[in-house]
Amino acid sequence: MKKDDKKNILSIIVITLLVGSLVYGISVSSRSSSIKELPSIYVPGTYGTINDFDDYFKIARIEQDGILKINIDENNNVVESQKVSLKPSEIKNIVIAFSDADDDIDSMLRQSKYLQTAFEYLEKKYNISNVNFIGHSNGPVALTSYFTQVKPIKYFNINKIVAIAAPYNDISYANANDTKDSDYLKAWKKNISGIPQNVQLYNLYGNVNGGKNDTIVTLATIKKSEQLYPKNNIHYKEFKGNENEVGHVQLLVNKKVVNYAESLVR
């Protein structure tokens, strides 16, 4: 083979590799961008308010004026407690809270309907129907209730659920040796077909001083999620420390927890 021919072949190989790398890079970048563009919905837990995530947002460096905050009152009406001047396509952070934020099973059922109202509102007014979900404590519990207790014509599309200290078997069944099902769990298991099969569930939880609990929610009740969601889609992340670092309330303002939660949806 002539020397010039070898050079030409080598040049073609190099160019092919460069073009291939560029195309692959664009493809990966496009996929990453589409994931980043999804809005995130934040839902607090028991007795939570629309301001419960404020310190979380500070840690995550999410500007307050870009957060849409809506509250569902006890009559199932939507109140925009904090509006934004952004275009619908630019809204990436939404807080949903409930005036009725108790933790009994009847309240959970009502909260699942409140969520449905909020979802329908977001879709109708802002054309938002494809999101990630970040909830603390009973926030993901209300979402689980929505999946199993509400039968909408069209389900809101939740891609990822980041559940921070979510007690799927209630806190009254929190002992590690207690295998009984709570009223919540019994009701959900009857309608398990409502749980999305593609949703990815990330359970973030605190381990205070090696006790496998955050002083309120135990790993045992968090593990009950495996009886509801597709087991292969469930992921766990433990955060160790003392009560001031990984206690139930403190988890929501723990920098490691916040940064990890945001890394899953951004």
Protein backbone atom coordinates (compact mmCIF):
# COMPACT_ATOMS: atom_id res chain seq x y z
CA MET A 1 0.00 0.00 0.00
CA LYS A 2 1.29 3.39 -0.91
CA LYS A 3 2.30 5.82 1.79
CA ASP A 4 -0.28 8.38 0.62
CA ASP A 5 -3.02 5.73 0.71
CA LYS A 6 -2.13 4.89 4.33
CA LYS A 7 -2.34 8.56 5.25
CA ASN A 8 -5.73 8.89 3.58
CA ILE A 9 -7.11 5.82 5.37
CA LEU A 10 -5.77 7.08 8.70
CA SER A 11 -7.35 10.48 8.07
CA ILE A 12 -10.72 8.88 7.30
CA ILE A 13 -10.57 6.81 10.51
CA VAL A 14 -9.73 9.86 12.62
CA ILE A 15 -12.51 11.94 11.03
CA THR A 16 -15.00 9.08 11.49
CA LEU A 17 -14.10 8.78 15.19
CA LEU A 18 -14.38 12.51 15.72
CA VAL A 19 -17.77 12.72 14.00
CA GLY A 20 -19.00 9.68 15.91
CA SER A 21 -17.92 11.19 19.22
CA LEU A 22 -19.58 14.49 18.33
CA VAL A 23 -22.86 12.81 17.36
CA TYR A 24 -22.81 10.68 20.51
CA GLY A 25 -22.08 13.73 22.63
CA ILE A 26 -25.00 15.61 21.11
CA SER A 27 -27.27 12.61 21.66
CA VAL A 28 -26.28 12.27 25.32
CA SER A 29 -26.55 16.02 25.81
CA SER A 30 -30.03 16.01 24.30
CA ARG A 31 -31.18 13.22 26.58
CA SER A 32 -29.68 14.96 29.62
CA SER A 33 -31.30 18.25 28.67
CA SER A 34 -34.72 16.64 28.35
CA ILE A 35 -34.36 15.20 31.84
CA LYS A 36 -33.22 18.53 33.29
CA GLU A 37 -36.15 20.32 31.72
CA LEU A 38 -38.72 18.38 33.74
CA PRO A 39 -40.34 20.47 36.49
CA SER A 40 -40.08 19.24 40.07
CA ILE A 41 -43.05 19.16 42.43
CA TYR A 42 -42.31 19.44 46.15
CA VAL A 43 -44.83 18.25 48.74
CA PRO A 44 -44.30 18.61 52.52
CA GLY A 45 -45.45 16.12 55.13
CA THR A 46 -47.88 16.15 58.02
CA TYR A 47 -49.04 19.64 58.97
CA GLY A 48 -46.70 20.97 56.31
CA THR A 49 -47.15 24.34 54.64
CA ILE A 50 -46.11 25.88 51.36
CA ASN A 51 -43.07 27.35 53.11
CA ASP A 52 -41.66 24.10 54.51
CA PHE A 53 -39.15 23.75 51.66
CA ASP A 54 -37.86 27.32 51.86
CA ASP A 55 -34.62 26.40 53.63
CA TYR A 56 -34.22 23.43 51.31
CA PHE A 57 -34.44 25.79 48.34
CA LYS A 58 -31.80 28.06 49.86
CA ILE A 59 -29.41 25.14 50.15
CA ALA A 60 -30.23 24.05 46.59
CA ARG A 61 -29.77 27.66 45.40
CA ILE A 62 -33.23 27.77 43.87
CA GLU A 63 -34.49 31.35 43.71
CA GLN A 64 -37.73 31.99 45.56
CA ASP A 65 -39.21 34.19 42.84
CA GLY A 66 -39.06 31.26 40.43
CA ILE A 67 -41.10 28.91 42.63
CA LEU A 68 -44.80 28.46 42.02
CA LYS A 69 -46.55 27.74 45.31
CA ILE A 70 -50.10 26.47 45.43
CA ASN A 71 -52.23 25.41 48.36
CA ILE A 72 -55.33 23.23 48.22
CA ASP A 73 -57.82 24.32 50.85
CA GLU A 74 -60.24 22.07 52.72
CA ASN A 75 -62.92 22.70 50.08
CA ASN A 76 -60.57 21.34 47.40
CA ASN A 77 -59.98 24.79 45.91
CA VAL A 78 -56.64 25.90 44.46
CA VAL A 79 -55.01 29.01 45.89
CA GLU A 80 -51.82 30.30 44.30
CA SER A 81 -49.99 31.51 47.38
CA GLN A 82 -46.98 32.53 45.37
CA LYS A 83 -47.27 33.25 41.67
CA VAL A 84 -44.41 33.58 39.22
CA SER A 85 -43.96 35.82 36.24
CA LEU A 86 -42.36 33.03 34.21
CA LYS A 87 -43.74 31.50 31.05
CA PRO A 88 -45.36 28.08 31.66
CA SER A 89 -42.46 26.37 29.90
CA GLU A 90 -40.01 28.09 32.27
CA ILE A 91 -41.64 26.93 35.52
CA LYS A 92 -39.39 24.25 36.99
CA ASN A 93 -40.18 24.30 40.72
CA ILE A 94 -43.65 23.88 42.21
CA VAL A 95 -44.73 23.45 45.81
CA ILE A 96 -48.07 21.83 46.56
CA ALA A 97 -49.40 21.96 50.11
CA PHE A 98 -52.73 21.19 51.77
CA SER A 99 -54.72 23.06 54.39
CA ASP A 100 -55.84 19.62 55.60
CA ALA A 101 -52.48 17.99 56.21
CA ASP A 102 -53.32 15.55 58.98
CA ASP A 103 -51.95 12.01 59.04
CA ASP A 104 -54.97 9.74 59.56
CA ILE A 105 -56.21 7.51 56.76
CA ASP A 106 -59.23 9.70 55.99
CA SER A 107 -56.98 12.74 55.61
CA MET A 108 -54.66 10.73 53.36
CA LEU A 109 -57.60 9.91 51.12
CA ARG A 110 -58.59 13.57 50.97
CA GLN A 111 -55.00 14.59 50.26
CA SER A 112 -54.84 12.17 47.34
CA LYS A 113 -57.85 13.98 45.88
CA TYR A 114 -56.22 17.33 46.63
CA LEU A 115 -53.20 16.17 44.64
CA GLN A 116 -55.46 15.25 41.77
CA THR A 117 -56.97 18.75 41.87
CA ALA A 118 -53.49 20.29 41.88
CA PHE A 119 -52.34 18.12 38.98
CA GLU A 120 -55.39 18.98 36.88
CA TYR A 121 -54.85 22.67 37.65
CA LEU A 122 -51.19 22.53 36.59
CA GLU A 123 -52.04 20.75 33.38
CA LYS A 124 -54.90 23.08 32.46
CA LYS A 125 -53.29 26.41 33.37
CA TYR A 126 -49.58 25.76 32.82
CA ASN A 127 -49.56 22.77 30.48
CA ILE A 128 -47.50 20.83 33.02
CA SER A 129 -48.17 17.10 33.21
CA ASN A 130 -44.74 15.45 33.14
CA VAL A 131 -42.74 15.95 36.33
CA ASN A 132 -40.46 14.62 39.03
CA PHE A 133 -41.72 14.50 42.60
CA ILE A 134 -39.82 15.32 45.80
CA GLY A 135 -41.67 14.79 49.05
CA HIS A 136 -40.89 14.77 52.75
CA SER A 137 -42.48 12.42 55.27
CA ASN A 138 -46.16 12.02 54.37
CA GLY A 139 -45.74 13.89 51.08
CA PRO A 140 -44.86 10.68 49.18
CA VAL A 141 -47.49 8.89 51.27
CA ALA A 142 -50.17 11.20 49.84
CA LEU A 143 -48.80 10.49 46.34
CA THR A 144 -49.00 6.74 46.96
CA SER A 145 -52.58 7.23 48.09
CA TYR A 146 -53.25 9.17 44.86
CA PHE A 147 -51.95 6.29 42.75
CA THR A 148 -54.08 3.69 44.53
CA GLN A 149 -57.20 5.55 45.68
CA VAL A 150 -57.90 8.03 42.88
CA LYS A 151 -59.04 6.85 39.46
CA PRO A 152 -58.56 9.79 37.08
CA ILE A 153 -59.22 9.48 33.38
CA LYS A 154 -55.58 10.28 32.81
CA TYR A 155 -52.86 9.97 35.42
CA PHE A 156 -50.37 12.78 35.92
CA ASN A 157 -46.99 11.48 34.71
CA ILE A 158 -44.50 11.12 37.55
CA ASN A 159 -41.04 10.02 36.36
CA LYS A 160 -39.09 9.93 39.60
CA ILE A 161 -40.19 10.03 43.22
CA VAL A 162 -37.59 11.25 45.69
CA ALA A 163 -39.05 10.27 49.06
CA ILE A 164 -37.31 11.80 52.06
CA ALA A 165 -38.19 9.78 55.19
CA ALA A 166 -41.52 8.46 53.91
CA PRO A 167 -43.37 6.09 56.31
CA TYR A 168 -45.21 3.75 53.95
CA ASN A 169 -46.56 1.75 56.89
CA ASP A 170 -47.36 4.73 59.12
CA ILE A 171 -45.23 5.71 62.12
CA SER A 172 -47.48 3.84 64.56
CA TYR A 173 -46.17 0.64 62.96
CA ALA A 174 -42.60 1.83 63.08
CA ASN A 175 -40.93 -0.82 65.24
CA ALA A 176 -38.39 -2.88 63.36
CA ASN A 177 -39.97 -6.11 64.65
CA ASP A 178 -43.56 -5.10 63.85
CA THR A 179 -44.70 -6.75 60.64
CA LYS A 180 -48.37 -5.77 60.80
CA ASP A 181 -49.88 -3.76 57.98
CA SER A 182 -51.32 -0.34 58.79
CA ASP A 183 -54.72 0.75 57.50
CA TYR A 184 -52.84 2.74 54.84
CA LEU A 185 -50.97 -0.24 53.54
CA LYS A 186 -54.01 -2.52 53.56
CA ALA A 187 -56.02 -0.02 51.50
CA TRP A 188 -53.18 0.58 49.03
CA LYS A 189 -52.48 -3.11 48.46
CA LYS A 190 -56.07 -3.64 47.36
CA ASN A 191 -55.52 -1.20 44.50
CA ILE A 192 -51.87 -1.81 43.73
CA SER A 193 -52.56 -1.77 39.99
CA GLY A 194 -52.65 2.01 40.17
CA ILE A 195 -48.92 2.18 40.98
CA PRO A 196 -46.97 3.17 37.82
CA GLN A 197 -44.69 0.37 36.69
CA ASN A 198 -42.02 2.66 35.23
CA VAL A 199 -41.69 5.18 38.05
CA GLN A 200 -38.32 5.22 39.83
CA LEU A 201 -38.58 5.51 43.63
CA TYR A 202 -35.63 6.85 45.60
CA ASN A 203 -35.97 6.38 49.38
CA LEU A 204 -33.71 8.75 51.30
CA TYR A 205 -33.62 8.08 55.03
CA GLY A 206 -31.82 8.95 58.21
CA ASN A 207 -29.94 6.61 60.52
CA VAL A 208 -29.53 8.37 63.86
CA ASN A 209 -26.62 6.94 65.82
CA GLY A 210 -26.96 3.51 64.23
CA GLY A 211 -30.60 3.07 65.22
CA LYS A 212 -31.96 2.52 61.68
CA ASN A 213 -34.42 5.35 62.18
CA ASP A 214 -34.58 9.15 62.16
CA THR A 215 -36.26 9.11 65.63
CA ILE A 216 -39.70 9.05 63.94
CA VAL A 217 -39.53 7.00 60.74
CA THR A 218 -37.74 3.65 60.67
CA LEU A 219 -36.10 1.77 57.85
CA ALA A 220 -38.68 -0.99 58.47
CA THR A 221 -41.62 1.20 57.46
CA ILE A 222 -39.68 2.63 54.51
CA LYS A 223 -38.98 -0.93 53.28
CA LYS A 224 -42.75 -1.51 53.07
CA SER A 225 -42.60 0.43 49.81
CA GLU A 226 -41.40 -2.86 48.29
CA GLN A 227 -44.92 -4.25 48.72
CA LEU A 228 -46.30 -1.44 46.56
CA TYR A 229 -43.79 -0.23 43.99
CA PRO A 230 -41.88 -2.44 41.51
CA LYS A 231 -39.00 -3.69 43.62
CA ASN A 232 -36.44 -3.35 40.82
CA ASN A 233 -37.31 0.36 40.58
CA ILE A 234 -36.68 1.14 44.25
CA HIS A 235 -33.39 2.69 45.35
CA TYR A 236 -32.16 3.48 48.88
CA LYS A 237 -29.79 6.11 50.21
CA GLU A 238 -28.87 6.21 53.89
CA PHE A 239 -27.61 9.29 55.72
CA LYS A 240 -25.88 8.69 59.04
CA GLY A 241 -25.34 11.10 61.91
CA ASN A 242 -26.82 12.43 65.11
CA GLU A 243 -30.36 13.74 65.54
CA ASN A 244 -29.36 17.30 64.67
CA GLU A 245 -27.97 16.06 61.37
CA VAL A 246 -30.35 13.33 60.19
CA GLY A 247 -33.36 13.62 62.47
CA HIS A 248 -36.74 13.45 60.75
CA VAL A 249 -37.17 17.22 60.38
CA GLN A 250 -33.46 17.91 59.97
CA LEU A 251 -33.22 15.68 56.89
CA LEU A 252 -35.02 18.33 54.89
CA VAL A 253 -32.27 20.88 55.57
CA ASN A 254 -29.29 18.54 55.52
CA LYS A 255 -26.96 19.73 52.75
CA LYS A 256 -26.00 16.21 51.72
CA VAL A 257 -29.64 15.17 51.51
CA VAL A 258 -30.66 18.27 49.56
CA ASN A 259 -27.78 18.03 47.11
CA TYR A 260 -28.36 14.33 46.55
CA ALA A 261 -32.10 14.79 46.05
CA GLU A 262 -31.53 17.56 43.52
CA SER A 263 -28.88 15.52 41.69
CA LEU A 264 -31.55 12.92 40.97
CA VAL A 265 -33.86 15.33 39.19
CA ARG A 266 -31.52 17.92 37.62
